[in-house]
Amino acid sequence: MNHTFFRIASIGILLLGSFPFLHPLSAESDLPGKIIARSGRLKTITDRGTLILGLQKDYYPFHNAGANSSKLPGIDIEIAQILADAIGVKLSFKFLPLPELLKAVENGQIDISAGGISSSLERSRLAAFSEPYLVTTPGGLLSKRVLPPESESADFLKERIRGLEDISKLGRLKIGVMKNTRNEDLLKTNDEFSKHKLFSYTDRNKLIEALLKGEIDLLVADAISIQSLKKQNKIPASFIPILGTYREENICLVLPRGDTEIELYLNFFVRSIRSDGRLQNIINKYLK
């Protein structure tokens, strides 16, 4: 019986050393609820008293710099505020282009990155990723003017234009996409898109403007971004949203490689806000 007790006690001590969020609050903490971190990036954050989050600027619905940003700051802004509160620190932001966000986490310029970043084997060479907090797919906004005559039938859209793979049934299209994204890589490397003409943009507003002006026939982006454009009523009825699953994309928090403590904590954090409903409430606010 005594041996069993000591084994259980030893396991408990081991768990406390592995998971910083299980430590009791230190009397020396200068912020209420501040966690006790032992090493790595999490200790840097708690010692500094500020979480520095990297984001892509004005990438709705992940970040919103518009007039209604006080009420709808962005999905990742709201998630990051919950994270900072849970750690017990303040929150600050640093805005960088997507390619720089991964490197900035690794070199310590920022603590973690968000902003609708999907994980991939290629990106794992530059940084590590948390468990996904959102799942999306490459999707599109298609101009109705490129549809064949039979598209007058209501069943045409329902039966034939579901996911990106269905654009193979159409003629040669002018496709617009954001530069240096996984969607651009998809369109450049997948043979089923090779017959179309590709235009890459560095500014999202210019990409949307090109679609509305008829300079491109199809805008390719993640389905979450397209859903948010629909909700904002920024896209006229003359464009068809393509939201069927083409391939699964996992949206994750970006963290430094080899830092077990912050990886354990962020994965625990994602599971917690998913299970208590806070994550879904945020998503519904921007997409439903």
C-alpha atoms as a PDB file:
ATOM      1  CA  MET A   1       0.000   0.000   0.000  1.00  0.00           C
ATOM      2  CA  ASN A   2       2.799   2.422   0.911  1.00  0.00           C
ATOM      3  CA  HIS A   3       4.669   1.614  -2.304  1.00  0.00           C
ATOM      4  CA  THR A   4       1.529   2.419  -4.300  1.00  0.00           C
ATOM      5  CA  PHE A   5       1.167   5.753  -2.528  1.00  0.00           C
ATOM      6  CA  PHE A   6       4.751   6.758  -3.278  1.00  0.00           C
ATOM      7  CA  ARG A   7       4.373   5.760  -6.933  1.00  0.00           C
ATOM      8  CA  ILE A   8       1.254   7.944  -7.254  1.00  0.00           C
ATOM      9  CA  ALA A   9       2.981  10.840  -5.498  1.00  0.00           C
ATOM     10  CA  SER A  10       5.993  10.545  -7.820  1.00  0.00           C
ATOM     11  CA  ILE A  11       3.738  10.648 -10.893  1.00  0.00           C
ATOM     12  CA  GLY A  12       2.048  13.763  -9.516  1.00  0.00           C
ATOM     13  CA  ILE A  13       5.372  15.547  -9.042  1.00  0.00           C
ATOM     14  CA  LEU A  14       6.434  14.571 -12.566  1.00  0.00           C
ATOM     15  CA  LEU A  15       3.220  15.998 -14.033  1.00  0.00           C
ATOM     16  CA  LEU A  16       3.661  19.269 -12.188  1.00  0.00           C
ATOM     17  CA  GLY A  17       7.128  19.602 -13.647  1.00  0.00           C
ATOM     18  CA  SER A  18       5.896  18.866 -17.178  1.00  0.00           C
ATOM     19  CA  PHE A  19       2.799  21.080 -17.315  1.00  0.00           C
ATOM     20  CA  PRO A  20       3.362  24.686 -16.173  1.00  0.00           C
ATOM     21  CA  PHE A  21      -0.359  25.393 -16.007  1.00  0.00           C
ATOM     22  CA  LEU A  22      -0.713  22.880 -13.113  1.00  0.00           C
ATOM     23  CA  HIS A  23       1.636  24.799 -10.813  1.00  0.00           C
ATOM     24  CA  PRO A  24       0.074  26.727  -7.919  1.00  0.00           C
ATOM     25  CA  LEU A  25       0.154  30.510  -8.162  1.00  0.00           C
ATOM     26  CA  SER A  26       3.423  31.914  -6.871  1.00  0.00           C
ATOM     27  CA  ALA A  27       3.244  34.515  -4.119  1.00  0.00           C
ATOM     28  CA  GLU A  28       5.799  36.512  -6.096  1.00  0.00           C
ATOM     29  CA  SER A  29       3.614  36.769  -9.229  1.00  0.00           C
ATOM     30  CA  ASP A  30       2.954  40.411 -10.090  1.00  0.00           C
ATOM     31  CA  LEU A  31      -0.117  39.549 -12.209  1.00  0.00           C
ATOM     32  CA  PRO A  32      -3.078  37.548 -10.849  1.00  0.00           C
ATOM     33  CA  GLY A  33      -3.286  34.076 -12.358  1.00  0.00           C
ATOM     34  CA  LYS A  34       0.193  34.207 -13.861  1.00  0.00           C
ATOM     35  CA  ILE A  35       1.482  30.719 -14.668  1.00  0.00           C
ATOM     36  CA  ILE A  36       4.863  29.461 -13.521  1.00  0.00           C
ATOM     37  CA  ALA A  37       7.066  28.564 -16.493  1.00  0.00           C
ATOM     38  CA  ARG A  38      10.409  26.805 -16.043  1.00  0.00           C
ATOM     39  CA  SER A  39      12.186  27.417 -19.352  1.00  0.00           C
ATOM     40  CA  GLY A  40      12.038  28.400 -23.001  1.00  0.00           C
ATOM     41  CA  ARG A  41       9.680  30.800 -24.726  1.00  0.00           C
ATOM     42  CA  LEU A  42       6.951  30.494 -22.085  1.00  0.00           C
ATOM     43  CA  LYS A  43       9.366  31.654 -19.372  1.00  0.00           C
ATOM     44  CA  THR A  44      10.454  34.547 -21.609  1.00  0.00           C
ATOM     45  CA  ILE A  45       6.805  35.602 -21.947  1.00  0.00           C
ATOM     46  CA  THR A  46       6.059  35.412 -18.212  1.00  0.00           C
ATOM     47  CA  ASP A  47       9.298  37.154 -17.216  1.00  0.00           C
ATOM     48  CA  ARG A  48       8.588  39.968 -19.682  1.00  0.00           C
ATOM     49  CA  GLY A  49       4.923  40.175 -18.689  1.00  0.00           C
ATOM     50  CA  THR A  50       3.835  40.502 -22.321  1.00  0.00           C
ATOM     51  CA  LEU A  51       2.903  38.047 -25.055  1.00  0.00           C
ATOM     52  CA  ILE A  52       4.107  39.321 -28.449  1.00  0.00           C
ATOM     53  CA  LEU A  53       1.849  37.889 -31.152  1.00  0.00           C
ATOM     54  CA  GLY A  54       2.745  37.960 -34.841  1.00  0.00           C
ATOM     55  CA  LEU A  55      -0.075  38.514 -37.338  1.00  0.00           C
ATOM     56  CA  GLN A  56      -0.778  39.268 -40.971  1.00  0.00           C
ATOM     57  CA  LYS A  57      -2.212  42.774 -40.962  1.00  0.00           C
ATOM     58  CA  ASP A  58      -5.862  43.289 -41.957  1.00  0.00           C
ATOM     59  CA  TYR A  59      -6.437  39.656 -42.924  1.00  0.00           C
ATOM     60  CA  TYR A  60     -10.129  39.306 -42.197  1.00  0.00           C
ATOM     61  CA  PRO A  61     -11.561  37.387 -40.388  1.00  0.00           C
ATOM     62  CA  PHE A  62      -8.321  36.667 -38.503  1.00  0.00           C
ATOM     63  CA  HIS A  63      -7.440  40.340 -38.019  1.00  0.00           C
ATOM     64  CA  ASN A  64      -9.667  43.338 -38.694  1.00  0.00           C
ATOM     65  CA  ALA A  65      -8.308  46.864 -39.069  1.00  0.00           C
ATOM     66  CA  GLY A  66     -11.637  48.237 -40.329  1.00  0.00           C
ATOM     67  CA  ALA A  67     -14.126  50.645 -38.842  1.00  0.00           C
ATOM     68  CA  ASN A  68     -15.836  47.911 -36.796  1.00  0.00           C
ATOM     69  CA  SER A  69     -12.589  46.525 -35.365  1.00  0.00           C
ATOM     70  CA  SER A  70     -13.561  47.474 -31.805  1.00  0.00           C
ATOM     71  CA  LYS A  71     -16.506  45.052 -31.944  1.00  0.00           C
ATOM     72  CA  LEU A  72     -14.976  42.540 -34.369  1.00  0.00           C
ATOM     73  CA  PRO A  73     -11.183  42.695 -33.926  1.00  0.00           C
ATOM     74  CA  GLY A  74     -10.626  39.320 -35.589  1.00  0.00           C
ATOM     75  CA  ILE A  75     -10.726  35.626 -34.716  1.00  0.00           C
ATOM     76  CA  ASP A  76      -7.044  35.415 -33.826  1.00  0.00           C
ATOM     77  CA  ILE A  77      -7.080  38.679 -31.880  1.00  0.00           C
ATOM     78  CA  GLU A  78      -9.849  37.320 -29.642  1.00  0.00           C
ATOM     79  CA  ILE A  79      -8.147  33.930 -29.226  1.00  0.00           C
ATOM     80  CA  ALA A  80      -4.829  35.621 -28.398  1.00  0.00           C
ATOM     81  CA  GLN A  81      -6.472  37.785 -25.740  1.00  0.00           C
ATOM     82  CA  ILE A  82      -7.872  34.684 -24.035  1.00  0.00           C
ATOM     83  CA  LEU A  83      -4.391  33.121 -24.216  1.00  0.00           C
ATOM     84  CA  ALA A  84      -2.679  36.178 -22.711  1.00  0.00           C
ATOM     85  CA  ASP A  85      -5.265  36.302 -19.914  1.00  0.00           C
ATOM     86  CA  ALA A  86      -4.738  32.587 -19.224  1.00  0.00           C
ATOM     87  CA  ILE A  87      -0.963  33.025 -18.985  1.00  0.00           C
ATOM     88  CA  GLY A  88      -1.460  36.169 -16.894  1.00  0.00           C
ATOM     89  CA  VAL A  89       0.348  38.665 -19.129  1.00  0.00           C
ATOM     90  CA  LYS A  90      -0.449  41.607 -21.379  1.00  0.00           C
ATOM     91  CA  LEU A  91      -0.844  41.257 -25.154  1.00  0.00           C
ATOM     92  CA  SER A  92       0.962  43.129 -27.927  1.00  0.00           C
ATOM     93  CA  PHE A  93       1.102  42.650 -31.697  1.00  0.00           C
ATOM     94  CA  LYS A  94       3.696  42.729 -34.450  1.00  0.00           C
ATOM     95  CA  PHE A  95       2.472  42.695 -38.044  1.00  0.00           C
ATOM     96  CA  LEU A  96       4.614  40.953 -40.659  1.00  0.00           C
ATOM     97  CA  PRO A  97       4.158  39.352 -44.100  1.00  0.00           C
ATOM     98  CA  LEU A  98       3.439  35.623 -44.000  1.00  0.00           C
ATOM     99  CA  PRO A  99       6.964  34.377 -44.938  1.00  0.00           C
ATOM    100  CA  GLU A 100       8.521  36.503 -42.183  1.00  0.00           C
ATOM    101  CA  LEU A 101       6.120  35.344 -39.471  1.00  0.00           C
ATOM    102  CA  LEU A 102       7.574  31.831 -39.373  1.00  0.00           C
ATOM    103  CA  LYS A 103      11.174  33.056 -39.189  1.00  0.00           C
ATOM    104  CA  ALA A 104      10.337  35.705 -36.584  1.00  0.00           C
ATOM    105  CA  VAL A 105       9.012  33.047 -34.192  1.00  0.00           C
ATOM    106  CA  GLU A 106      12.135  30.950 -34.548  1.00  0.00           C
ATOM    107  CA  ASN A 107      14.552  33.850 -33.956  1.00  0.00           C
ATOM    108  CA  GLY A 108      12.593  35.206 -30.993  1.00  0.00           C
ATOM    109  CA  GLN A 109      11.476  38.454 -32.607  1.00  0.00           C
ATOM    110  CA  ILE A 110       7.906  37.443 -31.728  1.00  0.00           C
ATOM    111  CA  ASP A 111       6.684  34.793 -29.274  1.00  0.00           C
ATOM    112  CA  ILE A 112       4.079  32.988 -31.386  1.00  0.00           C
ATOM    113  CA  SER A 113       2.307  33.624 -34.687  1.00  0.00           C
ATOM    114  CA  ALA A 114      -1.315  33.395 -35.726  1.00  0.00           C
ATOM    115  CA  GLY A 115      -3.215  34.963 -38.618  1.00  0.00           C
ATOM    116  CA  GLY A 116      -4.750  32.057 -40.503  1.00  0.00           C
ATOM    117  CA  ILE A 117      -1.488  30.121 -40.976  1.00  0.00           C
ATOM    118  CA  SER A 118      -1.883  26.524 -42.122  1.00  0.00           C
ATOM    119  CA  SER A 119       0.650  23.871 -41.187  1.00  0.00           C
ATOM    120  CA  SER A 120       2.671  21.906 -43.739  1.00  0.00           C
ATOM    121  CA  LEU A 121       5.795  19.756 -43.934  1.00  0.00           C
ATOM    122  CA  GLU A 122       7.587  22.527 -45.818  1.00  0.00           C
ATOM    123  CA  ARG A 123       6.760  25.129 -43.170  1.00  0.00           C
ATOM    124  CA  SER A 124       7.793  22.754 -40.368  1.00  0.00           C
ATOM    125  CA  ARG A 125      11.392  23.334 -41.451  1.00  0.00           C
ATOM    126  CA  LEU A 126      11.044  26.916 -40.204  1.00  0.00           C
ATOM    127  CA  ALA A 127       8.790  26.562 -37.139  1.00  0.00           C
ATOM    128  CA  ALA A 128       6.572  24.195 -35.153  1.00  0.00           C
ATOM    129  CA  PHE A 129       2.771  24.177 -34.986  1.00  0.00           C
ATOM    130  CA  SER A 130       0.144  23.686 -32.311  1.00  0.00           C
ATOM    131  CA  GLU A 131      -2.887  21.464 -32.674  1.00  0.00           C
ATOM    132  CA  PRO A 132      -5.271  23.008 -35.238  1.00  0.00           C
ATOM    133  CA  TYR A 133      -7.880  25.389 -33.907  1.00  0.00           C
ATOM    134  CA  LEU A 134      -9.597  25.755 -37.301  1.00  0.00           C
ATOM    135  CA  VAL A 135      -9.925  23.457 -40.293  1.00  0.00           C
ATOM    136  CA  THR A 136     -10.517  24.873 -43.762  1.00  0.00           C
ATOM    137  CA  THR A 137     -10.004  24.052 -47.448  1.00  0.00           C
ATOM    138  CA  PRO A 138      -8.884  25.918 -50.555  1.00  0.00           C
ATOM    139  CA  GLY A 139     -12.025  27.460 -52.053  1.00  0.00           C
ATOM    140  CA  GLY A 140     -12.974  30.093 -54.558  1.00  0.00           C
ATOM    141  CA  LEU A 141     -15.215  32.888 -55.767  1.00  0.00           C
ATOM    142  CA  LEU A 142     -16.227  32.293 -59.377  1.00  0.00           C
ATOM    143  CA  SER A 143     -17.750  34.799 -61.772  1.00  0.00           C
ATOM    144  CA  LYS A 144     -21.029  33.571 -63.271  1.00  0.00           C
ATOM    145  CA  ARG A 145     -20.081  35.046 -66.648  1.00  0.00           C
ATOM    146  CA  VAL A 146     -17.713  32.116 -67.296  1.00  0.00           C
ATOM    147  CA  LEU A 147     -20.393  29.459 -66.756  1.00  0.00           C
ATOM    148  CA  PRO A 148     -21.733  27.543 -69.781  1.00  0.00           C
ATOM    149  CA  PRO A 149     -25.331  28.087 -71.034  1.00  0.00           C
ATOM    150  CA  GLU A 150     -26.657  25.045 -69.166  1.00  0.00           C
ATOM    151  CA  SER A 151     -25.798  26.821 -65.913  1.00  0.00           C
ATOM    152  CA  GLU A 152     -29.180  28.515 -66.185  1.00  0.00           C
ATOM    153  CA  SER A 153     -30.478  25.365 -64.523  1.00  0.00           C
ATOM    154  CA  ALA A 154     -30.556  25.595 -60.726  1.00  0.00           C
ATOM    155  CA  ASP A 155     -29.204  22.044 -60.539  1.00  0.00           C
ATOM    156  CA  PHE A 156     -26.019  22.949 -62.416  1.00  0.00           C
ATOM    157  CA  LEU A 157     -24.402  24.761 -59.489  1.00  0.00           C
ATOM    158  CA  LYS A 158     -25.611  22.228 -56.972  1.00  0.00           C
ATOM    159  CA  GLU A 159     -24.398  19.203 -58.901  1.00  0.00           C
ATOM    160  CA  ARG A 160     -21.347  20.433 -60.777  1.00  0.00           C
ATOM    161  CA  ILE A 161     -19.552  23.289 -58.996  1.00  0.00           C
ATOM    162  CA  ARG A 162     -18.832  22.094 -55.473  1.00  0.00           C
ATOM    163  CA  GLY A 163     -15.076  22.222 -54.951  1.00  0.00           C
ATOM    164  CA  LEU A 164     -12.049  23.573 -56.800  1.00  0.00           C
ATOM    165  CA  GLU A 165     -11.682  20.294 -58.691  1.00  0.00           C
ATOM    166  CA  ASP A 166     -14.931  21.103 -60.528  1.00  0.00           C
ATOM    167  CA  ILE A 167     -13.464  24.087 -62.393  1.00  0.00           C
ATOM    168  CA  SER A 168     -11.916  21.499 -64.736  1.00  0.00           C
ATOM    169  CA  LYS A 169     -15.399  21.351 -66.319  1.00  0.00           C
ATOM    170  CA  LEU A 170     -15.073  24.985 -67.361  1.00  0.00           C
ATOM    171  CA  GLY A 171     -12.940  26.655 -70.015  1.00  0.00           C
ATOM    172  CA  ARG A 172      -9.602  28.382 -69.492  1.00  0.00           C
ATOM    173  CA  LEU A 173      -9.921  30.781 -66.555  1.00  0.00           C
ATOM    174  CA  LYS A 174      -7.962  33.745 -65.222  1.00  0.00           C
ATOM    175  CA  ILE A 175      -7.299  32.849 -61.596  1.00  0.00           C
ATOM    176  CA  GLY A 176      -6.143  35.261 -58.890  1.00  0.00           C
ATOM    177  CA  VAL A 177      -4.433  34.168 -55.665  1.00  0.00           C
ATOM    178  CA  MET A 178      -2.299  35.661 -52.897  1.00  0.00           C
ATOM    179  CA  LYS A 179       1.450  35.389 -53.462  1.00  0.00           C
ATOM    180  CA  ASN A 180       3.607  33.179 -51.198  1.00  0.00           C
ATOM    181  CA  THR A 181       0.681  31.100 -49.958  1.00  0.00           C
ATOM    182  CA  ARG A 182      -0.100  27.387 -50.019  1.00  0.00           C
ATOM    183  CA  ASN A 183      -2.945  28.157 -52.421  1.00  0.00           C
ATOM    184  CA  GLU A 184      -0.478  29.684 -54.885  1.00  0.00           C
ATOM    185  CA  ASP A 185       1.730  26.574 -54.565  1.00  0.00           C
ATOM    186  CA  LEU A 186      -1.320  24.382 -55.198  1.00  0.00           C
ATOM    187  CA  LEU A 187      -2.277  26.215 -58.370  1.00  0.00           C
ATOM    188  CA  LYS A 188       1.309  26.235 -59.679  1.00  0.00           C
ATOM    189  CA  THR A 189       2.170  22.604 -58.990  1.00  0.00           C
ATOM    190  CA  ASN A 190      -1.080  20.694 -59.580  1.00  0.00           C
ATOM    191  CA  ASP A 191      -1.554  19.641 -63.198  1.00  0.00           C
ATOM    192  CA  GLU A 192      -5.347  19.957 -63.068  1.00  0.00           C
ATOM    193  CA  PHE A 193      -4.938  23.760 -62.893  1.00  0.00           C
ATOM    194  CA  SER A 194      -2.220  24.031 -65.536  1.00  0.00           C
ATOM    195  CA  LYS A 195      -4.541  25.105 -68.370  1.00  0.00           C
ATOM    196  CA  HIS A 196      -5.605  28.246 -66.494  1.00  0.00           C
ATOM    197  CA  LYS A 197      -3.766  31.574 -66.368  1.00  0.00           C
ATOM    198  CA  LEU A 198      -2.511  32.491 -62.898  1.00  0.00           C
ATOM    199  CA  PHE A 199      -2.177  35.998 -61.418  1.00  0.00           C
ATOM    200  CA  SER A 200      -0.490  36.402 -58.017  1.00  0.00           C
ATOM    201  CA  TYR A 201      -1.173  39.411 -55.762  1.00  0.00           C
ATOM    202  CA  THR A 202       0.620  40.801 -52.724  1.00  0.00           C
ATOM    203  CA  ASP A 203      -2.395  42.844 -51.548  1.00  0.00           C
ATOM    204  CA  ARG A 204      -5.719  41.169 -50.635  1.00  0.00           C
ATOM    205  CA  ASN A 205      -7.788  44.266 -51.380  1.00  0.00           C
ATOM    206  CA  LYS A 206      -6.305  44.440 -54.884  1.00  0.00           C
ATOM    207  CA  LEU A 207      -7.072  40.752 -55.388  1.00  0.00           C
ATOM    208  CA  ILE A 208     -10.744  41.297 -54.470  1.00  0.00           C
ATOM    209  CA  GLU A 209     -10.854  44.444 -56.620  1.00  0.00           C
ATOM    210  CA  ALA A 210      -9.492  42.481 -59.602  1.00  0.00           C
ATOM    211  CA  LEU A 211     -12.344  39.986 -59.226  1.00  0.00           C
ATOM    212  CA  LEU A 212     -15.011  42.677 -58.987  1.00  0.00           C
ATOM    213  CA  LYS A 213     -13.603  44.504 -62.025  1.00  0.00           C
ATOM    214  CA  GLY A 214     -13.566  41.351 -64.133  1.00  0.00           C
ATOM    215  CA  GLU A 215      -9.767  41.238 -64.424  1.00  0.00           C
ATOM    216  CA  ILE A 216      -9.851  37.662 -63.093  1.00  0.00           C
ATOM    217  CA  ASP A 217     -12.589  35.018 -63.337  1.00  0.00           C
ATOM    218  CA  LEU A 218     -11.838  33.132 -60.143  1.00  0.00           C
ATOM    219  CA  LEU A 219     -10.395  34.187 -56.787  1.00  0.00           C
ATOM    220  CA  VAL A 220      -8.805  31.307 -54.865  1.00  0.00           C
ATOM    221  CA  ALA A 221      -8.463  31.589 -51.088  1.00  0.00           C
ATOM    222  CA  ASP A 222      -9.225  29.524 -48.009  1.00  0.00           C
ATOM    223  CA  ALA A 223     -12.907  28.820 -47.453  1.00  0.00           C
ATOM    224  CA  ILE A 224     -12.904  30.713 -44.132  1.00  0.00           C
ATOM    225  CA  SER A 225     -11.897  33.949 -45.875  1.00  0.00           C
ATOM    226  CA  ILE A 226     -14.576  33.437 -48.531  1.00  0.00           C
ATOM    227  CA  GLN A 227     -17.246  32.784 -45.886  1.00  0.00           C
ATOM    228  CA  SER A 228     -16.267  35.998 -44.113  1.00  0.00           C
ATOM    229  CA  LEU A 229     -16.505  38.000 -47.360  1.00  0.00           C
ATOM    230  CA  LYS A 230     -20.008  36.609 -47.851  1.00  0.00           C
ATOM    231  CA  LYS A 231     -21.014  37.543 -44.316  1.00  0.00           C
ATOM    232  CA  GLN A 232     -19.754  41.117 -44.867  1.00  0.00           C
ATOM    233  CA  ASN A 233     -21.838  41.310 -48.068  1.00  0.00           C
ATOM    234  CA  LYS A 234     -18.740  42.361 -50.028  1.00  0.00           C
ATOM    235  CA  ILE A 235     -19.412  39.964 -52.895  1.00  0.00           C
ATOM    236  CA  PRO A 236     -22.329  40.557 -55.330  1.00  0.00           C
ATOM    237  CA  ALA A 237     -24.688  37.755 -56.370  1.00  0.00           C
ATOM    238  CA  SER A 238     -22.892  37.579 -59.726  1.00  0.00           C
ATOM    239  CA  PHE A 239     -20.145  35.536 -58.023  1.00  0.00           C
ATOM    240  CA  ILE A 240     -20.479  31.954 -56.784  1.00  0.00           C
ATOM    241  CA  PRO A 241     -18.730  30.807 -53.589  1.00  0.00           C
ATOM    242  CA  ILE A 242     -16.961  27.452 -53.989  1.00  0.00           C
ATOM    243  CA  LEU A 243     -16.684  25.977 -50.488  1.00  0.00           C
ATOM    244  CA  GLY A 244     -16.623  22.195 -50.985  1.00  0.00           C
ATOM    245  CA  THR A 245     -13.658  20.373 -49.447  1.00  0.00           C
ATOM    246  CA  TYR A 246     -10.779  20.065 -51.894  1.00  0.00           C
ATOM    247  CA  ARG A 247      -8.137  19.176 -49.308  1.00  0.00           C
ATOM    248  CA  GLU A 248      -8.070  19.696 -45.558  1.00  0.00           C
ATOM    249  CA  GLU A 249      -5.990  22.622 -44.274  1.00  0.00           C
ATOM    250  CA  ASN A 250      -5.194  22.895 -40.563  1.00  0.00           C
ATOM    251  CA  ILE A 251      -4.972  26.430 -39.149  1.00  0.00           C
ATOM    252  CA  CYS A 252      -2.555  26.424 -36.207  1.00  0.00           C
ATOM    253  CA  LEU A 253      -0.600  28.645 -33.847  1.00  0.00           C
ATOM    254  CA  VAL A 254       3.076  28.875 -34.820  1.00  0.00           C
ATOM    255  CA  LEU A 255       5.649  28.240 -32.076  1.00  0.00           C
ATOM    256  CA  PRO A 256       9.407  27.711 -31.834  1.00  0.00           C
ATOM    257  CA  ARG A 257      10.743  24.259 -32.674  1.00  0.00           C
ATOM    258  CA  GLY A 258      12.014  22.042 -29.874  1.00  0.00           C
ATOM    259  CA  ASP A 259      10.304  23.991 -27.068  1.00  0.00           C
ATOM    260  CA  THR A 260       8.294  21.270 -25.315  1.00  0.00           C
ATOM    261  CA  GLU A 261       6.910  23.439 -22.523  1.00  0.00           C
ATOM    262  CA  ILE A 262       5.170  25.994 -24.747  1.00  0.00           C
ATOM    263  CA  GLU A 263       4.025  23.252 -27.143  1.00  0.00           C
ATOM    264  CA  LEU A 264       2.319  21.367 -24.293  1.00  0.00           C
ATOM    265  CA  TYR A 265       0.742  24.547 -23.011  1.00  0.00           C
ATOM    266  CA  LEU A 266      -0.590  25.770 -26.374  1.00  0.00           C
ATOM    267  CA  ASN A 267      -2.039  22.359 -27.230  1.00  0.00           C
ATOM    268  CA  PHE A 268      -3.738  22.279 -23.817  1.00  0.00           C
ATOM    269  CA  PHE A 269      -5.017  25.819 -24.436  1.00  0.00           C
ATOM    270  CA  VAL A 270      -6.522  24.942 -27.848  1.00  0.00           C
ATOM    271  CA  ARG A 271      -8.248  21.851 -26.442  1.00  0.00           C
ATOM    272  CA  SER A 272      -9.593  23.853 -23.497  1.00  0.00           C
ATOM    273  CA  ILE A 273     -11.215  26.677 -25.476  1.00  0.00           C
ATOM    274  CA  ARG A 274     -12.620  24.133 -27.905  1.00  0.00           C
ATOM    275  CA  SER A 275     -14.169  21.985 -25.165  1.00  0.00           C
ATOM    276  CA  ASP A 276     -15.661  24.889 -23.177  1.00  0.00           C
ATOM    277  CA  GLY A 277     -17.299  26.417 -26.279  1.00  0.00           C
ATOM    278  CA  ARG A 278     -15.385  29.701 -26.377  1.00  0.00           C
ATOM    279  CA  LEU A 279     -13.671  28.862 -29.659  1.00  0.00           C
ATOM    280  CA  GLN A 280     -16.947  28.022 -31.414  1.00  0.00           C
ATOM    281  CA  ASN A 281     -18.570  31.203 -30.089  1.00  0.00           C
ATOM    282  CA  ILE A 282     -15.771  33.280 -31.659  1.00  0.00           C
ATOM    283  CA  ILE A 283     -16.008  31.419 -34.978  1.00  0.00           C
ATOM    284  CA  ASN A 284     -19.797  31.844 -35.112  1.00  0.00           C
ATOM    285  CA  LYS A 285     -19.463  35.583 -34.577  1.00  0.00           C
ATOM    286  CA  TYR A 286     -17.352  35.969 -37.745  1.00  0.00           C
ATOM    287  CA  LEU A 287     -18.618  33.246 -40.055  1.00  0.00           C
ATOM    288  CA  LYS A 288     -22.203  32.275 -39.251  1.00  0.00           C
END
